[in-house]
Each structure stands twice: as C-alpha cells, then as structure tokens.
Amino acid sequence: MTDENQQKDVGQLSFEEAIVGLTDIVDKIEQGRTPLQESLDQYEKGMALIKHCRTILQAAEQRIEKITQEGAGEKDQARPSRSD
C-alpha cells in the first residue's frame, strides 16, 4: 500500500475505528514476534492514525468552543438589561 493510499484509508476512518487500529498495532508490536520491517510499517501506520485522531479531536474542540460561545451569546441576550 502506498503512503497516499494509506493516508486516504486512514482519513476515512472514524475516531473509534482509528483507536481500534492503534490498539491492534500496539498489541502486535508489543508481542515482539513481528519482523522489523513489518514493525516499522505498523509504526508508520500508527503515526498516521494518531495524526488523524488529533485532527478529529481538534475539530471537535473547535465545535465545542463555537457551541459554548453561541450559548453564552444567547444567555447574554436573554438577560434583561439593567438601567440604574
């Protein structure tokens, strides 16, 4: 599989699928029975999965911030203005 195909495949995974993939890779490497080249390939795939997970988490964080800001704006609008 080429790097470009791997990136496309990884980019289509959900966060949960990527985490399962990472767990599988860690398990394989920790067993120590994988040949070096395969371990390196798995490590490379794992790094791509981590990058993908970070991208998903950053998007979720931005979405939460936006929702929070919109909610705060609505709360401010709902408050009656005080005139002293």
Protein backbone atom coordinates (compact mmCIF):
# COMPACT_ATOMS: atom_id res chain seq x y z
CA MET A 1 0.00 0.00 0.00
CA THR A 2 1.43 3.37 -0.92
CA ASP A 3 1.62 6.24 1.54
CA GLU A 4 -1.03 8.13 -0.43
CA ASN A 5 -3.45 5.17 -0.33
CA GLN A 6 -2.74 4.65 3.36
CA GLN A 7 -3.48 8.32 4.05
CA LYS A 8 -6.78 8.06 2.15
CA ASP A 9 -7.74 4.91 4.03
CA VAL A 10 -6.84 6.40 7.41
CA GLY A 11 -8.61 9.66 6.59
CA GLN A 12 -11.88 7.81 6.08
CA LEU A 13 -11.87 6.14 9.49
CA SER A 14 -13.99 7.30 12.39
CA PHE A 15 -12.22 8.24 15.61
CA GLU A 16 -13.29 4.97 17.21
CA GLU A 17 -12.06 2.90 14.25
CA ALA A 18 -8.70 4.69 14.36
CA ILE A 19 -8.34 3.96 18.09
CA VAL A 20 -9.07 0.27 17.48
CA GLY A 21 -6.43 0.28 14.72
CA LEU A 22 -3.91 1.88 17.06
CA THR A 23 -4.65 -0.67 19.77
CA ASP A 24 -4.13 -3.51 17.30
CA ILE A 25 -0.80 -2.05 16.17
CA VAL A 26 0.45 -1.62 19.74
CA ASP A 27 -0.56 -5.20 20.58
CA LYS A 28 1.30 -6.57 17.54
CA ILE A 29 4.46 -4.60 18.24
CA GLU A 30 4.44 -5.40 21.97
CA GLN A 31 4.30 -9.14 21.25
CA GLY A 32 7.75 -8.78 19.70
CA ARG A 33 7.17 -11.50 17.13
CA THR A 34 6.78 -9.15 14.20
CA PRO A 35 9.72 -8.80 11.82
CA LEU A 36 11.49 -5.45 11.96
CA GLN A 37 10.26 -4.19 8.57
CA GLU A 38 6.65 -5.04 9.43
CA SER A 39 7.05 -3.33 12.81
CA LEU A 40 8.30 -0.21 11.05
CA ASP A 41 5.37 -0.32 8.64
CA GLN A 42 2.97 -0.73 11.53
CA TYR A 43 4.64 2.14 13.39
CA GLU A 44 4.25 4.35 10.34
CA LYS A 45 0.58 3.44 10.05
CA GLY A 46 0.15 4.11 13.77
CA MET A 47 1.61 7.59 13.38
CA ALA A 48 -0.85 8.29 10.56
CA LEU A 49 -3.69 7.10 12.80
CA ILE A 50 -2.52 9.36 15.63
CA LYS A 51 -2.40 12.35 13.26
CA HIS A 52 -5.92 11.52 12.07
CA CYS A 53 -7.21 11.23 15.65
CA ARG A 54 -5.66 14.59 16.56
CA THR A 55 -7.36 16.21 13.56
CA ILE A 56 -10.73 14.79 14.62
CA LEU A 57 -10.21 15.92 18.21
CA GLN A 58 -9.20 19.43 17.15
CA ALA A 59 -12.35 19.71 15.01
CA ALA A 60 -14.47 18.53 17.94
CA GLU A 61 -12.78 21.03 20.24
CA GLN A 62 -13.47 23.87 17.81
CA ARG A 63 -17.09 22.78 17.52
CA ILE A 64 -17.47 22.73 21.32
CA GLU A 65 -15.93 26.21 21.57
CA LYS A 66 -18.33 27.51 18.93
CA ILE A 67 -21.34 25.97 20.68
CA THR A 68 -20.17 27.35 24.01
CA GLN A 69 -19.71 30.83 22.58
CA GLU A 70 -23.12 30.72 20.90
CA GLY A 71 -24.68 29.54 24.15
CA ALA A 72 -23.01 32.36 26.07
CA GLY A 73 -24.27 34.86 23.50
CA GLU A 74 -27.83 33.57 23.85
CA LYS A 75 -27.54 33.75 27.63
CA ASP A 76 -26.45 37.39 27.41
CA GLN A 77 -29.36 38.20 25.10
CA ALA A 78 -31.84 36.54 27.46
CA ARG A 79 -30.79 38.72 30.39
CA PRO A 80 -32.86 41.85 30.81
CA SER A 81 -30.76 44.96 30.63
CA ARG A 82 -30.49 46.85 33.85
CA SER A 83 -30.87 50.56 33.98
CA ASP A 84 -29.62 52.10 37.18
